[in-house]
Amino acid sequence: MKYRKFGHTGWKVSEIGYGMWGMAEWTGYNDKQSIRSLQKAVDLGCDFLIPLGVMVKATVKNY
């Protein structure tokens, strides 16, 4: 995994983020699968977790 500086914070975060949309109890969600995929992302070095609220704002903004 590659990391880069996050804005002006100086924090190093993974270049690949994990969108947590699947953990929002949408139709057809699966807790076990969501937890497995989140764990896999963390195991691979992903530490940039994107909460649902951020994703909804980005989605709405694009439409």
Protein backbone atom coordinates (compact mmCIF):
# COMPACT_ATOMS: atom_id res chain seq x y z
CA MET A 1 0.00 0.00 0.00
CA LYS A 2 1.21 3.48 -0.78
CA TYR A 3 0.59 6.36 1.60
CA ARG A 4 0.46 10.12 1.20
CA LYS A 5 0.01 13.20 3.33
CA PHE A 6 -3.63 14.01 4.16
CA GLY A 7 -4.17 17.69 3.44
CA HIS A 8 -2.48 20.04 5.86
CA THR A 9 -2.68 17.63 8.79
CA GLY A 10 0.61 15.92 8.04
CA TRP A 11 -1.04 12.54 8.65
CA LYS A 12 0.02 9.70 6.36
CA VAL A 13 -2.97 7.79 5.03
CA SER A 14 -3.37 5.07 2.43
CA GLU A 15 -3.86 6.25 -1.15
CA ILE A 16 -6.80 3.86 -1.41
CA GLY A 17 -9.79 4.63 0.77
CA TYR A 18 -12.46 2.24 1.95
CA GLY A 19 -16.02 3.49 1.44
CA MET A 20 -18.19 2.21 4.25
CA TRP A 21 -21.46 2.43 2.31
CA GLY A 22 -22.07 -1.30 2.73
CA MET A 23 -22.24 -0.93 6.50
CA ALA A 24 -25.23 1.43 6.40
CA GLU A 25 -28.01 -1.17 6.49
CA TRP A 26 -29.11 -0.49 2.91
CA THR A 27 -31.34 -3.03 1.19
CA GLY A 28 -29.41 -6.23 0.70
CA TYR A 29 -26.58 -5.37 3.07
CA ASN A 30 -24.77 -8.20 4.80
CA ASP A 31 -23.00 -7.53 8.12
CA LYS A 32 -20.72 -10.55 7.86
CA GLN A 33 -19.59 -9.65 4.35
CA SER A 34 -19.13 -5.99 5.29
CA ILE A 35 -16.93 -6.92 8.25
CA ARG A 36 -14.89 -9.37 6.13
CA SER A 37 -14.28 -6.80 3.40
CA LEU A 38 -13.37 -4.08 5.92
CA GLN A 39 -10.94 -6.47 7.64
CA LYS A 40 -9.39 -7.38 4.27
CA ALA A 41 -8.88 -3.69 3.45
CA VAL A 42 -7.22 -3.09 6.83
CA ASP A 43 -5.06 -6.21 6.42
CA LEU A 44 -3.86 -4.83 3.08
CA GLY A 45 -2.87 -1.54 4.72
CA CYS A 46 -5.90 0.63 4.06
CA ASP A 47 -6.34 3.13 6.87
CA PHE A 48 -8.36 5.81 5.06
CA LEU A 49 -11.92 4.88 6.01
CA ILE A 50 -14.67 6.97 4.45
CA PRO A 51 -17.87 7.11 6.53
CA LEU A 52 -21.29 6.98 4.90
CA GLY A 53 -22.12 10.65 5.50
CA VAL A 54 -19.17 11.76 3.39
CA MET A 55 -20.14 9.39 0.60
CA VAL A 56 -23.76 10.60 0.54
CA LYS A 57 -22.66 14.24 0.25
CA ALA A 58 -20.25 13.38 -2.57
CA THR A 59 -22.90 11.36 -4.40
CA VAL A 60 -25.56 14.07 -4.08
CA LYS A 61 -23.09 16.74 -5.17
CA ASN A 62 -22.36 14.83 -8.40
CA TYR A 63 -26.04 14.68 -9.46
